[in-house]
Protein backbone atom coordinates (compact mmCIF):
# COMPACT_ATOMS: atom_id res chain seq x y z
CA UNK A 1 -4.06 -72.66 -13.70
CA UNK A 2 -6.59 -71.36 -11.20
CA UNK A 3 -10.10 -69.95 -11.49
CA UNK A 4 -10.54 -66.20 -11.18
CA UNK A 5 -12.37 -65.83 -7.86
CA UNK A 6 -11.13 -69.17 -6.56
CA UNK A 7 -13.94 -71.51 -7.66
CA UNK A 8 -13.50 -74.20 -10.29
CA UNK A 9 -17.12 -75.25 -10.78
CA UNK A 10 -19.48 -73.92 -11.86
CA UNK A 11 -17.87 -71.31 -14.09
CA UNK A 12 -17.65 -67.79 -12.67
CA UNK A 13 -20.49 -66.53 -14.88
CA UNK A 14 -22.96 -69.18 -13.64
CA UNK A 15 -24.89 -66.93 -11.24
CA UNK A 16 -25.44 -63.96 -13.57
CA UNK A 17 -26.42 -66.31 -16.41
CA UNK A 18 -29.03 -68.06 -14.28
CA UNK A 19 -30.29 -64.80 -12.80
CA UNK A 20 -30.92 -63.44 -16.28
CA UNK A 21 -33.42 -66.29 -16.72
CA UNK A 22 -34.73 -66.56 -13.15
CA UNK A 23 -34.31 -63.34 -11.16
CA UNK A 24 -34.62 -63.37 -7.40
CA UNK A 25 -32.45 -66.37 -6.50
CA UNK A 26 -30.48 -65.46 -3.41
CA UNK A 27 -26.77 -65.90 -2.83
CA UNK A 28 -27.50 -68.47 -0.14
CA UNK A 29 -29.41 -70.67 -2.55
CA UNK A 30 -26.59 -70.45 -5.05
CA UNK A 31 -24.07 -71.38 -2.37
CA UNK A 32 -26.13 -74.41 -1.36
CA UNK A 33 -26.47 -75.53 -4.97
CA UNK A 34 -22.74 -75.13 -5.63
CA UNK A 35 -21.90 -77.15 -2.50
CA UNK A 36 -24.32 -79.88 -3.59
CA UNK A 37 -22.75 -79.80 -7.06
CA UNK A 38 -19.33 -80.40 -5.50
CA UNK A 39 -20.71 -83.51 -3.78
CA UNK A 40 -22.33 -84.59 -7.05
CA UNK A 41 -19.02 -84.41 -8.89
CA UNK A 42 -17.10 -86.00 -6.05
CA UNK A 43 -19.38 -89.02 -5.86
CA UNK A 44 -19.43 -89.71 -9.61
CA UNK A 45 -17.45 -92.69 -10.92
CA UNK A 46 -16.37 -90.57 -13.88
CA UNK A 47 -16.78 -86.94 -14.88
CA UNK A 48 -20.42 -86.20 -15.76
CA UNK A 49 -21.16 -84.12 -18.88
CA UNK A 50 -21.42 -80.38 -18.38
CA UNK A 51 -25.12 -80.53 -19.23
CA UNK A 52 -25.70 -83.22 -16.57
CA UNK A 53 -23.82 -81.12 -14.03
CA UNK A 54 -25.73 -77.95 -14.91
CA UNK A 55 -29.05 -79.82 -14.85
CA UNK A 56 -28.22 -80.96 -11.34
CA UNK A 57 -27.43 -77.42 -10.18
CA UNK A 58 -30.53 -75.99 -11.80
CA UNK A 59 -32.63 -78.68 -10.18
CA UNK A 60 -31.30 -77.67 -6.75
CA UNK A 61 -32.22 -74.07 -7.58
CA UNK A 62 -35.69 -74.98 -8.82
CA UNK A 63 -34.91 -73.60 -12.29
CA UNK A 64 -36.18 -75.27 -15.44
CA UNK A 65 -33.17 -76.59 -17.42
CA UNK A 66 -34.33 -75.08 -20.70
CA UNK A 67 -32.18 -75.80 -23.75
CA UNK A 68 -31.46 -72.11 -24.18
CA UNK A 69 -30.16 -71.76 -20.63
CA UNK A 70 -28.04 -74.92 -20.85
CA UNK A 71 -26.49 -73.58 -24.07
CA UNK A 72 -25.69 -70.25 -22.44
CA UNK A 73 -23.99 -71.97 -19.50
CA UNK A 74 -21.51 -73.67 -21.86
CA UNK A 75 -21.15 -70.84 -24.39
CA UNK A 76 -17.62 -70.06 -25.41
CA UNK A 77 -16.05 -67.25 -23.42
CA UNK A 78 -12.58 -65.78 -23.31
CA UNK A 79 -10.84 -68.16 -20.86
CA UNK A 80 -8.82 -65.23 -19.53
CA UNK A 81 -12.03 -63.82 -18.04
CA UNK A 82 -12.58 -66.90 -15.84
CA UNK A 83 -9.14 -68.53 -15.53
CA UNK A 84 -5.57 -67.44 -15.01
CA UNK A 85 -2.17 -69.11 -14.96
CA UNK A 86 0.01 -69.03 -11.86
CA UNK A 87 2.99 -66.72 -12.46
CA UNK A 88 5.52 -69.60 -12.46
CA UNK A 89 3.80 -71.72 -15.11
CA UNK A 90 5.00 -70.56 -18.52
CA UNK A 91 8.60 -69.95 -17.51
CA UNK A 92 8.84 -73.42 -15.97
CA UNK A 93 7.19 -75.12 -18.95
CA UNK A 94 9.57 -73.29 -21.31
CA UNK A 95 12.60 -74.48 -19.34
CA UNK A 96 11.35 -78.06 -19.08
CA UNK A 97 10.76 -78.16 -22.83
CA UNK A 98 14.22 -76.68 -23.43
CA UNK A 99 15.69 -79.53 -21.40
CA UNK A 100 13.78 -82.09 -23.45
CA UNK A 101 11.46 -83.14 -20.62
CA UNK A 102 8.39 -84.80 -22.13
CA UNK A 103 5.08 -83.85 -20.50
CA UNK A 104 1.52 -85.12 -20.29
CA UNK A 105 -1.58 -84.01 -18.38
CA UNK A 106 -3.63 -86.25 -16.10
CA UNK A 107 -6.85 -84.47 -15.14
CA UNK A 108 -10.36 -85.00 -13.89
CA UNK A 109 -11.82 -82.69 -16.51
CA UNK A 110 -14.02 -82.33 -19.58
CA UNK A 111 -12.83 -83.12 -23.13
CA UNK A 112 -12.16 -79.51 -24.09
CA UNK A 113 -9.22 -79.21 -21.67
CA UNK A 114 -6.52 -79.31 -24.41
CA UNK A 115 -8.21 -76.48 -26.33
CA UNK A 116 -8.52 -74.49 -23.09
CA UNK A 117 -4.82 -74.92 -22.40
CA UNK A 118 -4.06 -73.72 -25.89
CA UNK A 119 -6.12 -70.56 -25.44
CA UNK A 120 -4.42 -69.85 -22.11
CA UNK A 121 -1.00 -69.91 -23.77
CA UNK A 122 0.05 -73.49 -23.03
CA UNK A 123 -0.14 -74.83 -26.61
CA UNK A 124 2.55 -77.29 -27.61
CA UNK A 125 3.89 -78.24 -24.18
CA UNK A 126 2.00 -81.51 -23.61
CA UNK A 127 2.25 -84.59 -25.78
CA UNK A 128 -0.71 -86.41 -24.27
CA UNK A 129 -3.81 -85.94 -22.12
CA UNK A 130 -5.48 -88.42 -19.78
CA UNK A 131 -8.89 -86.82 -19.24
CA UNK A 132 -11.50 -88.42 -17.01
CA UNK A 133 -14.49 -87.53 -19.19
CA UNK A 134 -12.77 -89.25 -22.13
CA UNK A 135 -11.45 -92.33 -20.32
CA UNK A 136 -14.55 -92.93 -18.19
CA UNK A 137 -12.71 -93.00 -14.86
CA UNK A 138 -11.16 -90.53 -12.44
CA UNK A 139 -7.98 -90.33 -10.41
CA UNK A 140 -6.78 -92.36 -8.54
CA UNK A 141 -7.91 -95.07 -11.00
CA UNK A 142 -4.63 -96.57 -12.32
CA UNK A 143 -5.89 -96.20 -15.90
CA UNK A 144 -5.60 -92.41 -15.60
CA UNK A 145 -1.91 -92.55 -14.72
CA UNK A 146 -1.02 -95.32 -17.15
CA UNK A 147 -2.77 -93.69 -20.09
CA UNK A 148 -0.40 -90.75 -19.79
CA UNK A 149 2.80 -92.69 -19.23
CA UNK A 150 1.97 -95.19 -21.97
CA UNK A 151 1.31 -92.31 -24.38
CA UNK A 152 4.79 -91.03 -23.63
CA UNK A 153 6.26 -94.51 -24.04
CA UNK A 154 7.68 -94.42 -20.50
CA UNK A 155 7.59 -96.73 -17.54
CA UNK A 156 6.08 -95.37 -14.28
CA UNK A 157 9.48 -95.18 -12.60
CA UNK A 158 10.62 -92.84 -15.40
CA UNK A 159 7.80 -90.36 -14.68
CA UNK A 160 7.31 -87.66 -12.09
CA UNK A 161 3.62 -87.12 -11.25
CA UNK A 162 2.68 -83.75 -9.78
CA UNK A 163 -0.74 -82.95 -8.34
CA UNK A 164 -2.20 -80.49 -5.85
CA UNK A 165 -3.99 -83.33 -4.04
CA UNK A 166 -1.46 -85.25 -1.95
CA UNK A 167 -3.68 -88.34 -1.85
CA UNK A 168 -3.52 -88.61 -5.62
CA UNK A 169 0.27 -88.35 -5.45
CA UNK A 170 0.28 -91.14 -2.87
CA UNK A 171 -1.74 -93.26 -5.30
CA UNK A 172 0.79 -92.60 -8.04
CA UNK A 173 3.67 -93.55 -5.71
CA UNK A 174 1.90 -96.85 -4.98
CA UNK A 175 1.79 -97.53 -8.74
CA UNK A 176 5.55 -97.03 -9.08
CA UNK A 177 5.67 -93.41 -10.23
CA UNK A 178 7.82 -90.72 -8.69
CA UNK A 179 5.64 -87.96 -7.23
CA UNK A 180 5.46 -84.55 -5.64
CA UNK A 181 2.48 -82.80 -4.11
CA UNK A 182 2.09 -79.21 -5.28
CA UNK A 183 1.29 -77.39 -2.02
CA UNK A 184 1.06 -73.72 -2.85
CA UNK A 185 0.50 -71.39 0.13
CA UNK A 186 -3.27 -71.40 -0.41
CA UNK A 187 -3.49 -75.23 -0.65
CA UNK A 188 -6.52 -76.57 1.25
CA UNK A 189 -4.46 -79.44 2.69
CA UNK A 190 -2.21 -77.12 4.63
CA UNK A 191 1.57 -76.71 4.54
CA UNK A 192 2.45 -80.42 4.75
CA UNK A 193 1.71 -83.50 2.70
CA UNK A 194 0.86 -86.87 4.27
CA UNK A 195 3.73 -89.04 5.47
CA UNK A 196 5.69 -90.48 2.57
CA UNK A 197 4.61 -87.82 0.07
CA UNK A 198 7.23 -85.20 -0.78
CA UNK A 199 6.02 -81.75 -1.76
CA UNK A 200 7.02 -78.55 -3.56
CA UNK A 201 5.63 -75.06 -3.12
CA UNK A 202 6.01 -73.86 -6.69
CA UNK A 203 6.58 -75.25 -10.18
CA UNK A 204 10.08 -73.77 -10.30
CA UNK A 205 11.17 -76.20 -7.58
CA UNK A 206 10.61 -79.04 -10.06
CA UNK A 207 13.56 -77.78 -12.08
CA UNK A 208 15.88 -79.01 -9.34
CA UNK A 209 14.51 -82.53 -9.78
CA UNK A 210 14.53 -82.89 -13.59
């Protein structure tokens, strides 16, 4: 899946929600806070809570992290208004399930990821989730990979790990997993993966491997 508008964090409605409480914040200040938030998430040993992340952003903006505002920033919204699936997702998942391929998710994400997948139409495809906010570590910590393969009852060599970050695929290869980097045309790493990391440009290409 991908965020509508291209940004994963914060959610697409962050700016209008904050502006409703504190009018007058400029786009430049929001951009600076979002960039700082990316560094905050990237430097954390595990995934901070959403409230901790939003408190950090609001602090950069000079906005009081009132309970009402924090609640609004995590209020339930229709996921289809902020997220969308790539066109090749559901057809590929259907075919993999038809072939009996067992699947798990390994993600640096918050605990509600399975429910989000369900609401986006991906219910029933994945047997297990390795989620950083639940496990207390992030990729490339070996515990993330092993939690998923152990849940499937498979050895690393029996698993194909796919990720849009080639470095995380390289880490999986070092642990004995098979791996492919998902390098869609808009991938920030460019058209090629690092040496030793094979890549695909769409999910449908995985069907040739499984």
